[in-house]
């Protein structure tokens, strides 16, 4: 069985399913994190919510720093 490779863009916008491929949390954990301020709120356009790739990369860097400080 071949593993599926997810490609995360360098710029632009992403929706939640794309984010969850690089930040492995459940949707409910993500939304709880948004509510608590742990994760970015993103932008809403109509019924769709999306995030800039840059803010997700910043989030990944913050998580990496926190994990590095804990070890």
Protein backbone atom coordinates (compact mmCIF):
# COMPACT_ATOMS: atom_id res chain seq x y z
CA UNK A 1 0.00 0.00 0.00
CA UNK A 2 1.45 3.36 -1.02
CA UNK A 3 1.35 6.12 1.55
CA UNK A 4 -0.45 9.26 0.48
CA UNK A 5 1.77 12.33 0.33
CA UNK A 6 0.20 15.63 1.24
CA UNK A 7 1.60 18.79 -0.29
CA UNK A 8 1.26 21.94 1.74
CA UNK A 9 1.60 25.18 -0.25
CA UNK A 10 4.18 27.87 0.54
CA UNK A 11 1.81 30.80 0.00
CA UNK A 12 -1.89 31.42 -0.42
CA UNK A 13 -4.82 30.14 1.55
CA UNK A 14 -5.75 26.76 3.01
CA UNK A 15 -8.86 25.24 4.49
CA UNK A 16 -9.06 23.09 7.58
CA UNK A 17 -8.67 19.66 5.91
CA UNK A 18 -5.32 20.81 4.49
CA UNK A 19 -4.20 22.16 7.86
CA UNK A 20 -5.03 18.91 9.62
CA UNK A 21 -2.63 17.07 7.29
CA UNK A 22 0.31 18.97 8.82
CA UNK A 23 -1.05 19.57 12.34
CA UNK A 24 -2.41 16.18 13.41
CA UNK A 25 -5.27 17.10 15.72
CA UNK A 26 -8.98 16.40 15.43
CA UNK A 27 -11.40 19.02 14.14
CA UNK A 28 -12.91 19.45 17.60
CA UNK A 29 -9.43 19.97 19.10
CA UNK A 30 -8.68 22.53 16.39
CA UNK A 31 -11.87 24.49 17.06
CA UNK A 32 -11.27 24.37 20.83
CA UNK A 33 -7.79 25.74 20.15
CA UNK A 34 -9.23 28.53 18.01
CA UNK A 35 -11.66 29.40 20.78
CA UNK A 36 -8.90 29.45 23.41
CA UNK A 37 -6.50 31.46 21.23
CA UNK A 38 -4.01 28.61 20.78
CA UNK A 39 -4.71 28.40 17.02
CA UNK A 40 -5.42 31.26 14.58
CA UNK A 41 -9.02 32.24 13.86
CA UNK A 42 -8.56 32.54 10.11
CA UNK A 43 -10.78 34.46 7.75
CA UNK A 44 -14.40 33.85 6.92
CA UNK A 45 -15.91 34.35 3.50
CA UNK A 46 -19.58 33.42 3.38
CA UNK A 47 -19.82 29.96 4.93
CA UNK A 48 -16.17 29.12 4.24
CA UNK A 49 -13.30 29.67 6.62
CA UNK A 50 -9.71 29.70 5.46
CA UNK A 51 -6.29 30.56 6.81
CA UNK A 52 -3.24 32.10 5.20
CA UNK A 53 -0.42 29.64 4.70
CA UNK A 54 1.89 32.10 6.42
CA UNK A 55 -0.09 32.04 9.68
CA UNK A 56 -0.10 28.22 9.64
CA UNK A 57 3.68 28.17 9.09
CA UNK A 58 4.03 30.56 12.05
CA UNK A 59 1.87 28.23 14.15
CA UNK A 60 4.06 25.26 13.18
CA UNK A 61 7.18 27.23 14.21
CA UNK A 62 5.61 28.13 17.59
CA UNK A 63 4.69 24.49 18.21
CA UNK A 64 8.21 23.35 17.24
CA UNK A 65 9.80 25.89 19.62
CA UNK A 66 7.52 24.82 22.46
CA UNK A 67 8.26 21.14 21.89
CA UNK A 68 11.99 21.90 21.66
CA UNK A 69 11.88 23.81 24.95
CA UNK A 70 10.11 20.91 26.67
CA UNK A 71 12.77 18.35 25.70
